[in-house]
Amino acid sequence: MKSNRREFFKYGLTAIAAIPAIKVGSAFGAYKCPSVTKIDDAKVVKKLIDPTGKTAKRLKFVMNAPDAKDHKKYKAGNLCGNCKFYKVKKEAQDHAPCSMAGNKYVPACGWCKSYKIDKKKM
C-alpha cells in the first residue's frame, strides 16, 4: 500500500510542477491572432486599422504581437489588449479602439512601438 501512495504523490507533484511550464510554453508559442475575416461587427470592420497604412507604419504596428519580436522595444507578453491605450470598454470581438492609432480598431493580440503597460489590466 505504501508504494501506491508514494507513486500517487510522486506523479501528482510532477504534474503540478509541470503546470507553469505548460503555461509559459503556450504564452511563447506560435499564437496567431484571430483572422479579420471572422469579424461579424460591421462597425469594427469599417474602423479597423490598415496594417499597411501610414498610421500603422509610423507606429511599427503588427496584427500579431510575436511578429514584432525583432523590434527592440517588444517584450513577450506585450499585447494591445493589456496596453493603456486599448479601450477595453468599447471592445468588440477581440478588437477595440486605440487612442495611439487614431481610435482605429486594433486586435487585442496586436502590438506597436507606443505600447505602455496598463497595470490595471494585469
PDB file of N, CA and C in Angstrom:
ATOM      1  N   MET A   1       0.798  -1.182   0.000  1.00  0.00           N
ATOM      2  CA  MET A   1       0.000   0.000   0.000  1.00  0.00           C
ATOM      3  C   MET A   1       0.860   1.273   0.000  1.00  0.00           C
ATOM      4  N   LYS A   2       2.012   1.271   0.666  1.00  0.00           N
ATOM      5  CA  LYS A   2       2.872   2.440   0.702  1.00  0.00           C
ATOM      6  C   LYS A   2       3.397   2.794  -0.675  1.00  0.00           C
ATOM      7  N   SER A   3       3.733   1.799  -1.472  1.00  0.00           N
ATOM      8  CA  SER A   3       4.273   2.096  -2.800  1.00  0.00           C
ATOM      9  C   SER A   3       3.210   2.771  -3.669  1.00  0.00           C
ATOM     10  N   ASN A   4       1.973   2.380  -3.573  1.00  0.00           N
ATOM     11  CA  ASN A   4       0.921   3.031  -4.344  1.00  0.00           C
ATOM     12  C   ASN A   4       0.743   4.487  -3.924  1.00  0.00           C
ATOM     13  N   ARG A   5       0.778   4.688  -2.632  1.00  0.00           N
ATOM     14  CA  ARG A   5       0.625   6.037  -2.108  1.00  0.00           C
ATOM     15  C   ARG A   5       1.818   6.908  -2.533  1.00  0.00           C
ATOM     16  N   ARG A   6       3.013   6.372  -2.465  1.00  0.00           N
ATOM     17  CA  ARG A   6       4.206   7.109  -2.870  1.00  0.00           C
ATOM     18  C   ARG A   6       4.158   7.444  -4.353  1.00  0.00           C
ATOM     19  N   GLU A   7       3.767   6.480  -5.158  1.00  0.00           N
ATOM     20  CA  GLU A   7       3.659   6.733  -6.595  1.00  0.00           C
ATOM     21  C   GLU A   7       2.615   7.803  -6.884  1.00  0.00           C
ATOM     22  N   PHE A   8       1.515   7.725  -6.176  1.00  0.00           N
ATOM     23  CA  PHE A   8       0.458   8.722  -6.347  1.00  0.00           C
ATOM     24  C   PHE A   8       1.014  10.129  -6.103  1.00  0.00           C
ATOM     25  N   PHE A   9       1.723  10.325  -4.989  1.00  0.00           N
ATOM     26  CA  PHE A   9       2.276  11.636  -4.667  1.00  0.00           C
ATOM     27  C   PHE A   9       3.382  12.036  -5.640  1.00  0.00           C
ATOM     28  N   LYS A  10       4.198  11.064  -6.043  1.00  0.00           N
ATOM     29  CA  LYS A  10       5.281  11.364  -6.979  1.00  0.00           C
ATOM     30  C   LYS A  10       4.721  11.873  -8.306  1.00  0.00           C
ATOM     31  N   TYR A  11       3.738  11.166  -8.860  1.00  0.00           N
ATOM     32  CA  TYR A  11       3.147  11.585 -10.131  1.00  0.00           C
ATOM     33  C   TYR A  11       2.306  12.850  -9.975  1.00  0.00           C
ATOM     34  N   GLY A  12       1.633  12.968  -8.860  1.00  0.00           N
ATOM     35  CA  GLY A  12       0.821  14.159  -8.603  1.00  0.00           C
ATOM     36  C   GLY A  12       1.666  15.415  -8.512  1.00  0.00           C
ATOM     37  N   LEU A  13       2.761  15.341  -7.767  1.00  0.00           N
ATOM     38  CA  LEU A  13       3.636  16.501  -7.633  1.00  0.00           C
ATOM     39  C   LEU A  13       4.339  16.833  -8.950  1.00  0.00           C
ATOM     40  N   THR A  14       4.683  15.812  -9.710  1.00  0.00           N
ATOM     41  CA  THR A  14       5.289  16.040 -11.015  1.00  0.00           C
ATOM     42  C   THR A  14       4.320  16.778 -11.928  1.00  0.00           C
ATOM     43  N   ALA A  15       3.058  16.368 -11.911  1.00  0.00           N
ATOM     44  CA  ALA A  15       2.043  17.021 -12.739  1.00  0.00           C
ATOM     45  C   ALA A  15       1.842  18.469 -12.316  1.00  0.00           C
ATOM     46  N   ILE A  16       1.797  18.724 -11.023  1.00  0.00           N
ATOM     47  CA  ILE A  16       1.617  20.087 -10.524  1.00  0.00           C
ATOM     48  C   ILE A  16       2.813  20.958 -10.894  1.00  0.00           C
ATOM     49  N   ALA A  17       4.002  20.393 -10.802  1.00  0.00           N
ATOM     50  CA  ALA A  17       5.203  21.146 -11.144  1.00  0.00           C
ATOM     51  C   ALA A  17       5.261  21.477 -12.635  1.00  0.00           C
ATOM     52  N   ALA A  18       4.624  20.686 -13.474  1.00  0.00           N
ATOM     53  CA  ALA A  18       4.660  20.902 -14.920  1.00  0.00           C
ATOM     54  C   ALA A  18       3.695  21.985 -15.385  1.00  0.00           C
ATOM     55  N   ILE A  19       2.705  22.344 -14.578  1.00  0.00           N
ATOM     56  CA  ILE A  19       1.695  23.323 -14.996  1.00  0.00           C
ATOM     57  C   ILE A  19       2.308  24.669 -15.387  1.00  0.00           C
ATOM     58  N   PRO A  20       3.200  25.265 -14.584  1.00  0.00           N
ATOM     59  CA  PRO A  20       3.784  26.545 -15.028  1.00  0.00           C
ATOM     60  C   PRO A  20       4.554  26.422 -16.337  1.00  0.00           C
ATOM     61  N   ALA A  21       5.216  25.321 -16.550  1.00  0.00           N
ATOM     62  CA  ALA A  21       5.960  25.126 -17.795  1.00  0.00           C
ATOM     63  C   ALA A  21       5.016  25.068 -18.986  1.00  0.00           C
ATOM     64  N   ILE A  22       3.870  24.458 -18.800  1.00  0.00           N
ATOM     65  CA  ILE A  22       2.877  24.380 -19.877  1.00  0.00           C
ATOM     66  C   ILE A  22       2.353  25.775 -20.187  1.00  0.00           C
ATOM     67  N   LYS A  23       2.044  26.580 -19.156  1.00  0.00           N
ATOM     68  CA  LYS A  23       1.543  27.929 -19.366  1.00  0.00           C
ATOM     69  C   LYS A  23       2.583  28.798 -20.050  1.00  0.00           C
ATOM     70  N   VAL A  24       3.833  28.723 -19.635  1.00  0.00           N
ATOM     71  CA  VAL A  24       4.891  29.516 -20.251  1.00  0.00           C
ATOM     72  C   VAL A  24       5.070  29.092 -21.696  1.00  0.00           C
ATOM     73  N   GLY A  25       5.047  27.821 -21.960  1.00  0.00           N
ATOM     74  CA  GLY A  25       5.194  27.333 -23.323  1.00  0.00           C
ATOM     75  C   GLY A  25       4.090  27.832 -24.226  1.00  0.00           C
ATOM     76  N   SER A  26       2.863  27.861 -23.741  1.00  0.00           N
ATOM     77  CA  SER A  26       1.762  28.321 -24.575  1.00  0.00           C
ATOM     78  C   SER A  26       1.818  29.826 -24.769  1.00  0.00           C
ATOM     79  N   ALA A  27       2.355  30.574 -23.794  1.00  0.00           N
ATOM     80  CA  ALA A  27       2.449  32.026 -23.919  1.00  0.00           C
ATOM     81  C   ALA A  27       3.453  32.422 -24.989  1.00  0.00           C
ATOM     82  N   PHE A  28       4.509  31.647 -25.154  1.00  0.00           N
ATOM     83  CA  PHE A  28       5.520  31.980 -26.134  1.00  0.00           C
ATOM     84  C   PHE A  28       5.406  31.133 -27.400  1.00  0.00           C
ATOM     85  N   GLY A  29       4.361  30.363 -27.491  1.00  0.00           N
ATOM     86  CA  GLY A  29       4.162  29.505 -28.643  1.00  0.00           C
ATOM     87  C   GLY A  29       3.755  30.305 -29.868  1.00  0.00           C
ATOM     88  N   ALA A  30       3.400  29.612 -30.901  1.00  0.00           N
ATOM     89  CA  ALA A  30       3.053  30.239 -32.170  1.00  0.00           C
ATOM     90  C   ALA A  30       1.596  30.688 -32.168  1.00  0.00           C
ATOM     91  N   TYR A  31       1.258  31.606 -31.277  1.00  0.00           N
ATOM     92  CA  TYR A  31      -0.104  32.116 -31.190  1.00  0.00           C
ATOM     93  C   TYR A  31      -0.376  33.006 -32.383  1.00  0.00           C
ATOM     94  N   LYS A  32      -1.492  32.824 -33.001  1.00  0.00           N
ATOM     95  CA  LYS A  32      -1.881  33.666 -34.123  1.00  0.00           C
ATOM     96  C   LYS A  32      -3.139  34.417 -33.762  1.00  0.00           C
ATOM     97  N   CYS A  33      -3.174  35.644 -34.150  1.00  0.00           N
ATOM     98  CA  CYS A  33      -4.322  36.498 -33.911  1.00  0.00           C
ATOM     99  C   CYS A  33      -5.518  35.981 -34.722  1.00  0.00           C
ATOM    100  N   PRO A  34      -6.733  36.146 -34.191  1.00  0.00           N
ATOM    101  CA  PRO A  34      -7.902  35.725 -34.961  1.00  0.00           C
ATOM    102  C   PRO A  34      -7.951  36.437 -36.309  1.00  0.00           C
ATOM    103  N   SER A  35      -8.432  35.759 -37.295  1.00  0.00           N
ATOM    104  CA  SER A  35      -8.493  36.304 -38.642  1.00  0.00           C
ATOM    105  C   SER A  35      -9.487  37.463 -38.713  1.00  0.00           C
ATOM    106  N   VAL A  36      -9.143  38.467 -39.488  1.00  0.00           N
ATOM    107  CA  VAL A  36     -10.024  39.621 -39.681  1.00  0.00           C
ATOM    108  C   VAL A  36     -11.311  39.184 -40.369  1.00  0.00           C
ATOM    109  N   THR A  37     -11.257  38.133 -41.161  1.00  0.00           N
ATOM    110  CA  THR A  37     -12.455  37.677 -41.870  1.00  0.00           C
ATOM    111  C   THR A  37     -13.504  37.106 -40.925  1.00  0.00           C
ATOM    112  N   LYS A  38     -13.144  36.818 -39.678  1.00  0.00           N
ATOM    113  CA  LYS A  38     -14.093  36.269 -38.711  1.00  0.00           C
ATOM    114  C   LYS A  38     -14.848  37.350 -37.943  1.00  0.00           C
ATOM    115  N   ILE A  39     -14.590  38.624 -38.242  1.00  0.00           N
ATOM    116  CA  ILE A  39     -15.251  39.714 -37.541  1.00  0.00           C
ATOM    117  C   ILE A  39     -16.623  39.933 -38.163  1.00  0.00           C
ATOM    118  N   ASP A  40     -17.661  39.820 -37.340  1.00  0.00           N
ATOM    119  CA  ASP A  40     -19.028  39.986 -37.809  1.00  0.00           C
ATOM    120  C   ASP A  40     -19.529  41.419 -37.653  1.00  0.00           C
ATOM    121  N   ASP A  41     -18.962  42.162 -36.733  1.00  0.00           N
ATOM    122  CA  ASP A  41     -19.416  43.512 -36.423  1.00  0.00           C
ATOM    123  C   ASP A  41     -18.957  44.483 -37.516  1.00  0.00           C
ATOM    124  N   ALA A  42     -19.909  45.043 -38.258  1.00  0.00           N
ATOM    125  CA  ALA A  42     -19.585  45.937 -39.371  1.00  0.00           C
ATOM    126  C   ALA A  42     -18.861  47.197 -38.895  1.00  0.00           C
ATOM    127  N   LYS A  43     -19.189  47.690 -37.688  1.00  0.00           N
ATOM    128  CA  LYS A  43     -18.544  48.882 -37.145  1.00  0.00           C
ATOM    129  C   LYS A  43     -17.047  48.631 -36.950  1.00  0.00           C
ATOM    130  N   VAL A  44     -16.705  47.444 -36.468  1.00  0.00           N
ATOM    131  CA  VAL A  44     -15.297  47.093 -36.248  1.00  0.00           C
ATOM    132  C   VAL A  44     -14.571  46.988 -37.586  1.00  0.00           C
ATOM    133  N   VAL A  45     -15.166  46.316 -38.544  1.00  0.00           N
ATOM    134  CA  VAL A  45     -14.533  46.130 -39.849  1.00  0.00           C
ATOM    135  C   VAL A  45     -14.308  47.489 -40.517  1.00  0.00           C
ATOM    136  N   LYS A  46     -15.291  48.375 -40.403  1.00  0.00           N
ATOM    137  CA  LYS A  46     -15.209  49.694 -41.033  1.00  0.00           C
ATOM    138  C   LYS A  46     -14.086  50.541 -40.435  1.00  0.00           C
ATOM    139  N   LYS A  47     -13.859  50.426 -39.131  1.00  0.00           N
ATOM    140  CA  LYS A  47     -12.858  51.244 -38.446  1.00  0.00           C
ATOM    141  C   LYS A  47     -11.581  50.479 -38.113  1.00  0.00           C
ATOM    142  N   LEU A  48     -11.375  49.327 -38.700  1.00  0.00           N
ATOM    143  CA  LEU A  48     -10.192  48.511 -38.439  1.00  0.00           C
ATOM    144  C   LEU A  48      -8.946  49.183 -39.017  1.00  0.00           C
ATOM    145  N   ILE A  49      -7.864  49.154 -38.262  1.00  0.00           N
ATOM    146  CA  ILE A  49      -6.609  49.757 -38.725  1.00  0.00           C
ATOM    147  C   ILE A  49      -6.096  49.011 -39.955  1.00  0.00           C
ATOM    148  N   ASP A  50      -5.568  49.763 -40.899  1.00  0.00           N
ATOM    149  CA  ASP A  50      -4.957  49.176 -42.088  1.00  0.00           C
ATOM    150  C   ASP A  50      -3.493  48.898 -41.747  1.00  0.00           C
ATOM    151  N   PRO A  51      -3.099  47.621 -41.660  1.00  0.00           N
ATOM    152  CA  PRO A  51      -1.721  47.312 -41.263  1.00  0.00           C
ATOM    153  C   PRO A  51      -0.659  47.804 -42.243  1.00  0.00           C
ATOM    154  N   THR A  52      -1.070  48.230 -43.440  1.00  0.00           N
ATOM    155  CA  THR A  52      -0.108  48.764 -44.408  1.00  0.00           C
ATOM    156  C   THR A  52      -0.235  50.280 -44.545  1.00  0.00           C
ATOM    157  N   GLY A  53      -1.128  50.893 -43.769  1.00  0.00           N
ATOM    158  CA  GLY A  53      -1.359  52.334 -43.839  1.00  0.00           C
ATOM    159  C   GLY A  53      -0.276  53.143 -43.140  1.00  0.00           C
ATOM    160  N   LYS A  54      -0.377  54.472 -43.291  1.00  0.00           N
ATOM    161  CA  LYS A  54       0.621  55.384 -42.718  1.00  0.00           C
ATOM    162  C   LYS A  54       0.668  55.294 -41.193  1.00  0.00           C
ATOM    163  N   THR A  55      -0.501  55.233 -40.563  1.00  0.00           N
ATOM    164  CA  THR A  55      -0.538  55.180 -39.099  1.00  0.00           C
ATOM    165  C   THR A  55       0.155  53.925 -38.589  1.00  0.00           C
ATOM    166  N   ALA A  56      -0.164  52.795 -39.196  1.00  0.00           N
ATOM    167  CA  ALA A  56       0.440  51.528 -38.776  1.00  0.00           C
ATOM    168  C   ALA A  56       1.954  51.541 -38.991  1.00  0.00           C
ATOM    169  N   LYS A  57       2.390  52.095 -40.082  1.00  0.00           N
ATOM    170  CA  LYS A  57       3.831  52.152 -40.354  1.00  0.00           C
ATOM    171  C   LYS A  57       4.546  53.065 -39.359  1.00  0.00           C
ATOM    172  N   ARG A  58       3.916  54.199 -39.037  1.00  0.00           N
ATOM    173  CA  ARG A  58       4.509  55.136 -38.077  1.00  0.00           C
ATOM    174  C   ARG A  58       4.650  54.488 -36.703  1.00  0.00           C
ATOM    175  N   LEU A  59       3.662  53.684 -36.340  1.00  0.00           N
ATOM    176  CA  LEU A  59       3.670  53.024 -35.035  1.00  0.00           C
ATOM    177  C   LEU A  59       4.411  51.687 -35.039  1.00  0.00           C
ATOM    178  N   LYS A  60       4.889  51.256 -36.208  1.00  0.00           N
ATOM    179  CA  LYS A  60       5.509  49.924 -36.353  1.00  0.00           C
ATOM    180  C   LYS A  60       4.516  48.841 -35.900  1.00  0.00           C
ATOM    181  N   PHE A  61       3.239  49.048 -36.210  1.00  0.00           N
ATOM    182  CA  PHE A  61       2.155  48.180 -35.765  1.00  0.00           C
ATOM    183  C   PHE A  61       2.186  46.827 -36.474  1.00  0.00           C
ATOM    184  N   VAL A  62       1.920  45.771 -35.705  1.00  0.00           N
ATOM    185  CA  VAL A  62       1.753  44.427 -36.265  1.00  0.00           C
ATOM    186  C   VAL A  62       0.456  43.843 -35.712  1.00  0.00           C
ATOM    187  N   MET A  63      -0.236  43.083 -36.524  1.00  0.00           N
ATOM    188  CA  MET A  63      -1.519  42.489 -36.123  1.00  0.00           C
ATOM    189  C   MET A  63      -1.338  41.363 -35.114  1.00  0.00           C
ATOM    190  N   ASN A  64      -0.175  40.730 -35.122  1.00  0.00           N
ATOM    191  CA  ASN A  64       0.113  39.605 -34.239  1.00  0.00           C
ATOM    192  C   ASN A  64       1.414  39.921 -33.493  1.00  0.00           C
ATOM    193  N   ALA A  65       1.312  40.190 -32.194  1.00  0.00           N
ATOM    194  CA  ALA A  65       2.443  40.678 -31.405  1.00  0.00           C
ATOM    195  C   ALA A  65       3.750  39.903 -31.594  1.00  0.00           C
ATOM    196  N   PRO A  66       3.760  38.568 -31.610  1.00  0.00           N
ATOM    197  CA  PRO A  66       5.043  37.870 -31.784  1.00  0.00           C
ATOM    198  C   PRO A  66       5.762  38.210 -33.094  1.00  0.00           C
ATOM    199  N   ASP A  67       5.053  38.783 -34.069  1.00  0.00           N
ATOM    200  CA  ASP A  67       5.706  39.199 -35.309  1.00  0.00           C
ATOM    201  C   ASP A  67       6.647  40.385 -35.090  1.00  0.00           C
ATOM    202  N   ALA A  68       6.547  41.036 -33.927  1.00  0.00           N
ATOM    203  CA  ALA A  68       7.398  42.188 -33.611  1.00  0.00           C
ATOM    204  C   ALA A  68       8.628  41.778 -32.805  1.00  0.00           C
ATOM    205  N   LYS A  69       8.913  40.506 -32.733  1.00  0.00           N
ATOM    206  CA  LYS A  69       9.998  40.011 -31.871  1.00  0.00           C
ATOM    207  C   LYS A  69      11.356  40.625 -32.201  1.00  0.00           C
ATOM    208  N   ASP A  70      11.539  41.140 -33.414  1.00  0.00           N
ATOM    209  CA  ASP A  70      12.818  41.743 -33.786  1.00  0.00           C
ATOM    210  C   ASP A  70      12.910  43.215 -33.394  1.00  0.00           C
ATOM    211  N   HIS A  71      11.814  43.807 -32.963  1.00  0.00           N
ATOM    212  CA  HIS A  71      11.827  45.219 -32.568  1.00  0.00           C
ATOM    213  C   HIS A  71      12.425  45.347 -31.171  1.00  0.00           C
ATOM    214  N   LYS A  72      13.282  46.322 -30.963  1.00  0.00           N
ATOM    215  CA  LYS A  72      13.996  46.449 -29.687  1.00  0.00           C
ATOM    216  C   LYS A  72      13.083  46.741 -28.507  1.00  0.00           C
ATOM    217  N   LYS A  73      11.922  47.354 -28.716  1.00  0.00           N
ATOM    218  CA  LYS A  73      11.012  47.667 -27.606  1.00  0.00           C
ATOM    219  C   LYS A  73      10.078  46.509 -27.255  1.00  0.00           C
ATOM    220  N   TYR A  74       9.936  45.551 -28.145  1.00  0.00           N
ATOM    221  CA  TYR A  74       8.983  44.463 -27.909  1.00  0.00           C
ATOM    222  C   TYR A  74       9.490  43.490 -26.852  1.00  0.00           C
ATOM    223  N   LYS A  75       8.585  43.111 -25.958  1.00  0.00           N
ATOM    224  CA  LYS A  75       8.868  42.061 -24.967  1.00  0.00           C
ATOM    225  C   LYS A  75       7.712  41.077 -25.024  1.00  0.00           C
ATOM    226  N   ALA A  76       7.998  39.811 -24.873  1.00  0.00           N
ATOM    227  CA  ALA A  76       6.959  38.785 -24.898  1.00  0.00           C
ATOM    228  C   ALA A  76       5.882  39.115 -23.876  1.00  0.00           C
ATOM    229  N   GLY A  77       4.649  38.988 -24.282  1.00  0.00           N
ATOM    230  CA  GLY A  77       3.523  39.291 -23.398  1.00  0.00           C
ATOM    231  C   GLY A  77       2.962  40.688 -23.595  1.00  0.00           C
ATOM    232  N   ASN A  78       3.689  41.550 -24.325  1.00  0.00           N
ATOM    233  CA  ASN A  78       3.171  42.876 -24.636  1.00  0.00           C
ATOM    234  C   ASN A  78       2.136  42.741 -25.750  1.00  0.00           C
ATOM    235  N   LEU A  79       0.906  43.063 -25.441  1.00  0.00           N
ATOM    236  CA  LEU A  79      -0.188  42.961 -26.404  1.00  0.00           C
ATOM    237  C   LEU A  79      -1.040  44.212 -26.329  1.00  0.00           C
ATOM    238  N   CYS A  80      -1.689  44.553 -27.412  1.00  0.00           N
ATOM    239  CA  CYS A  80      -2.610  45.685 -27.389  1.00  0.00           C
ATOM    240  C   CYS A  80      -3.644  45.514 -26.277  1.00  0.00           C
ATOM    241  N   GLY A  81      -4.089  44.306 -26.044  1.00  0.00           N
ATOM    242  CA  GLY A  81      -5.117  44.040 -25.047  1.00  0.00           C
ATOM    243  C   GLY A  81      -4.731  44.420 -23.630  1.00  0.00           C
ATOM    244  N   ASN A  82      -3.437  44.512 -23.313  1.00  0.00           N
ATOM    245  CA  ASN A  82      -3.037  44.937 -21.974  1.00  0.00           C
ATOM    246  C   ASN A  82      -2.276  46.265 -22.002  1.00  0.00           C
ATOM    247  N   CYS A  83      -2.506  47.039 -23.057  1.00  0.00           N
ATOM    248  CA  CYS A  83      -1.898  48.362 -23.207  1.00  0.00           C
ATOM    249  C   CYS A  83      -2.860  49.424 -22.672  1.00  0.00           C
ATOM    250  N   LYS A  84      -2.319  50.510 -22.147  1.00  0.00           N
ATOM    251  CA  LYS A  84      -3.176  51.544 -21.575  1.00  0.00           C
ATOM    252  C   LYS A  84      -3.936  52.330 -22.648  1.00  0.00           C
ATOM    253  N   PHE A  85      -3.546  52.249 -23.905  1.00  0.00           N
ATOM    254  CA  PHE A  85      -4.226  52.969 -24.980  1.00  0.00           C
ATOM    255  C   PHE A  85      -5.374  52.158 -25.605  1.00  0.00           C
ATOM    256  N   TYR A  86      -5.477  50.887 -25.264  1.00  0.00           N
ATOM    257  CA  TYR A  86      -6.512  49.988 -25.785  1.00  0.00           C
ATOM    258  C   TYR A  86      -7.784  50.188 -24.964  1.00  0.00           C
ATOM    259  N   LYS A  87      -8.870  50.596 -25.598  1.00  0.00           N
ATOM    260  CA  LYS A  87     -10.113  50.942 -24.898  1.00  0.00           C
ATOM    261  C   LYS A  87     -11.002  49.716 -24.712  1.00  0.00           C
ATOM    262  N   VAL A  88     -10.754  49.008 -23.623  1.00  0.00           N
ATOM    263  CA  VAL A  88     -11.436  47.749 -23.329  1.00  0.00           C
ATOM    264  C   VAL A  88     -12.955  47.912 -23.275  1.00  0.00           C
ATOM    265  N   LYS A  89     -13.431  49.030 -22.761  1.00  0.00           N
ATOM    266  CA  LYS A  89     -14.878  49.236 -22.611  1.00  0.00           C
ATOM    267  C   LYS A  89     -15.609  49.236 -23.946  1.00  0.00           C
ATOM    268  N   LYS A  90     -14.898  49.516 -25.034  1.00  0.00           N
ATOM    269  CA  LYS A  90     -15.510  49.535 -26.363  1.00  0.00           C
ATOM    270  C   LYS A  90     -15.124  48.302 -27.183  1.00  0.00           C
ATOM    271  N   GLU A  91     -14.578  47.291 -26.533  1.00  0.00           N
ATOM    272  CA  GLU A  91     -14.095  46.095 -27.217  1.00  0.00           C
ATOM    273  C   GLU A  91     -15.243  45.328 -27.864  1.00  0.00           C
ATOM    274  N   ALA A  92     -14.994  44.846 -29.076  1.00  0.00           N
ATOM    275  CA  ALA A  92     -15.946  44.016 -29.806  1.00  0.00           C
ATOM    276  C   ALA A  92     -15.163  42.966 -30.567  1.00  0.00           C
ATOM    277  N   GLN A  93     -15.448  41.714 -30.295  1.00  0.00           N
ATOM    278  CA  GLN A  93     -14.808  40.588 -30.973  1.00  0.00           C
ATOM    279  C   GLN A  93     -13.279  40.677 -30.937  1.00  0.00           C
ATOM    280  N   ASP A  94     -12.724  40.875 -29.752  1.00  0.00           N
ATOM    281  CA  ASP A  94     -11.278  40.948 -29.527  1.00  0.00           C
ATOM    282  C   ASP A  94     -10.594  42.088 -30.276  1.00  0.00           C
ATOM    283  N   HIS A  95     -11.343  43.147 -30.565  1.00  0.00           N
ATOM    284  CA  HIS A  95     -10.810  44.356 -31.185  1.00  0.00           C
ATOM    285  C   HIS A  95     -11.379  45.547 -30.426  1.00  0.00           C
ATOM    286  N   ALA A  96     -10.580  46.597 -30.283  1.00  0.00           N
ATOM    287  CA  ALA A  96     -11.049  47.807 -29.601  1.00  0.00           C
ATOM    288  C   ALA A  96     -10.317  49.013 -30.181  1.00  0.00           C
ATOM    289  N   PRO A  97     -10.895  50.202 -30.001  1.00  0.00           N
ATOM    290  CA  PRO A  97     -10.207  51.399 -30.470  1.00  0.00           C
ATOM    291  C   PRO A  97      -8.929  51.648 -29.679  1.00  0.00           C
ATOM    292  N   CYS A  98      -7.947  52.182 -30.366  1.00  0.00           N
ATOM    293  CA  CYS A  98      -6.667  52.528 -29.742  1.00  0.00           C
ATOM    294  C   CYS A  98      -6.441  54.022 -29.946  1.00  0.00           C
ATOM    295  N   SER A  99      -6.208  54.737 -28.873  1.00  0.00           N
ATOM    296  CA  SER A  99      -6.022  56.183 -28.987  1.00  0.00           C
ATOM    297  C   SER A  99      -4.736  56.540 -29.744  1.00  0.00           C
ATOM    298  N   MET A 100      -3.731  55.686 -29.721  1.00  0.00           N
ATOM    299  CA  MET A 100      -2.496  55.959 -30.459  1.00  0.00           C
ATOM    300  C   MET A 100      -2.667  55.739 -31.962  1.00  0.00           C
ATOM    301  N   ALA A 101      -3.654  54.942 -32.331  1.00  0.00           N
ATOM    302  CA  ALA A 101      -3.908  54.635 -33.746  1.00  0.00           C
ATOM    303  C   ALA A 101      -5.083  55.450 -34.274  1.00  0.00           C
ATOM    304  N   GLY A 102      -5.326  56.614 -33.702  1.00  0.00           N
ATOM    305  CA  GLY A 102      -6.413  57.461 -34.173  1.00  0.00           C
ATOM    306  C   GLY A 102      -7.782  56.848 -33.926  1.00  0.00           C
ATOM    307  N   ASN A 103      -7.915  56.104 -32.843  1.00  0.00           N
ATOM    308  CA  ASN A 103      -9.146  55.406 -32.459  1.00  0.00           C
ATOM    309  C   ASN A 103      -9.615  54.382 -33.493  1.00  0.00           C
ATOM    310  N   LYS A 104      -8.687  53.899 -34.286  1.00  0.00           N
ATOM    311  CA  LYS A 104      -8.988  52.772 -35.168  1.00  0.00           C
ATOM    312  C   LYS A 104      -9.021  51.519 -34.317  1.00  0.00           C
ATOM    313  N   TYR A 105      -9.798  50.535 -34.742  1.00  0.00           N
ATOM    314  CA  TYR A 105      -9.864  49.269 -34.005  1.00  0.00           C
ATOM    315  C   TYR A 105      -8.611  48.451 -34.285  1.00  0.00           C
ATOM    316  N   VAL A 106      -8.027  47.943 -33.231  1.00  0.00           N
ATOM    317  CA  VAL A 106      -6.839  47.090 -33.325  1.00  0.00           C
ATOM    318  C   VAL A 106      -7.148  45.769 -32.625  1.00  0.00           C
ATOM    319  N   PRO A 107      -6.516  44.682 -33.039  1.00  0.00           N
ATOM    320  CA  PRO A 107      -6.752  43.406 -32.365  1.00  0.00           C
ATOM    321  C   PRO A 107      -6.084  43.384 -30.995  1.00  0.00           C
ATOM    322  N   ALA A 108      -6.692  42.691 -30.063  1.00  0.00           N
ATOM    323  CA  ALA A 108      -6.145  42.579 -28.710  1.00  0.00           C
ATOM    324  C   ALA A 108      -4.769  41.931 -28.721  1.00  0.00           C
ATOM    325  N   CYS A 109      -4.476  41.142 -29.732  1.00  0.00           N
ATOM    326  CA  CYS A 109      -3.186  40.454 -29.789  1.00  0.00           C
ATOM    327  C   CYS A 109      -2.178  41.175 -30.688  1.00  0.00           C
ATOM    328  N   GLY A 110      -2.458  42.438 -31.050  1.00  0.00           N
ATOM    329  CA  GLY A 110      -1.523  43.227 -31.834  1.00  0.00           C
ATOM    330  C   GLY A 110      -0.472  43.877 -30.953  1.00  0.00           C
ATOM    331  N   TRP A 111       0.402  44.687 -31.558  1.00  0.00           N
ATOM    332  CA  TRP A 111       1.442  45.404 -30.828  1.00  0.00           C
ATOM    333  C   TRP A 111       1.938  46.578 -31.660  1.00  0.00           C
ATOM    334  N   CYS A 112       2.374  47.655 -30.991  1.00  0.00           N
ATOM    335  CA  CYS A 112       3.045  48.760 -31.682  1.00  0.00           C
ATOM    336  C   CYS A 112       4.113  49.341 -30.762  1.00  0.00           C
ATOM    337  N   LYS A 113       4.950  50.197 -31.319  1.00  0.00           N
ATOM    338  CA  LYS A 113       6.071  50.740 -30.548  1.00  0.00           C
ATOM    339  C   LYS A 113       5.630  51.698 -29.448  1.00  0.00           C
ATOM    340  N   SER A 114       4.370  52.144 -29.454  1.00  0.00           N
ATOM    341  CA  SER A 114       3.863  53.039 -28.407  1.00  0.00           C
ATOM    342  C   SER A 114       3.279  52.279 -27.232  1.00  0.00           C
ATOM    343  N   TYR A 115       3.464  50.968 -27.212  1.00  0.00           N
ATOM    344  CA  TYR A 115       2.907  50.131 -26.148  1.00  0.00           C
ATOM    345  C   TYR A 115       3.333  50.644 -24.766  1.00  0.00           C
ATOM    346  N   LYS A 116       2.341  50.788 -23.905  1.00  0.00           N
ATOM    347  CA  LYS A 116       2.574  51.133 -22.489  1.00  0.00           C
ATOM    348  C   LYS A 116       1.715  50.188 -21.663  1.00  0.00           C
ATOM    349  N   ILE A 117       2.337  49.503 -20.749  1.00  0.00           N
ATOM    350  CA  ILE A 117       1.608  48.535 -19.922  1.00  0.00           C
ATOM    351  C   ILE A 117       0.563  49.262 -19.082  1.00  0.00           C
ATOM    352  N   ASP A 118      -0.606  48.678 -19.015  1.00  0.00           N
ATOM    353  CA  ASP A 118      -1.673  49.195 -18.165  1.00  0.00           C
ATOM    354  C   ASP A 118      -1.744  48.283 -16.951  1.00  0.00           C
ATOM    355  N   LYS A 119      -1.266  48.746 -15.837  1.00  0.00           N
ATOM    356  CA  LYS A 119      -1.190  47.911 -14.637  1.00  0.00           C
ATOM    357  C   LYS A 119      -2.573  47.513 -14.146  1.00  0.00           C
ATOM    358  N   LYS A 120      -3.606  48.241 -14.500  1.00  0.00           N
ATOM    359  CA  LYS A 120      -4.965  47.890 -14.107  1.00  0.00           C
ATOM    360  C   LYS A 120      -5.435  46.635 -14.825  1.00  0.00           C
ATOM    361  N   LYS A 121      -4.913  46.385 -16.026  1.00  0.00           N
ATOM    362  CA  LYS A 121      -5.329  45.238 -16.826  1.00  0.00           C
ATOM    363  C   LYS A 121      -4.527  43.986 -16.500  1.00  0.00           C
ATOM    364  N   MET A 122      -3.465  44.120 -15.727  1.00  0.00           N
ATOM    365  CA  MET A 122      -2.616  42.973 -15.416  1.00  0.00           C
ATOM    366  C   MET A 122      -3.123  42.235 -14.199  1.00  0.00           C
TER     367      MET A 122
END
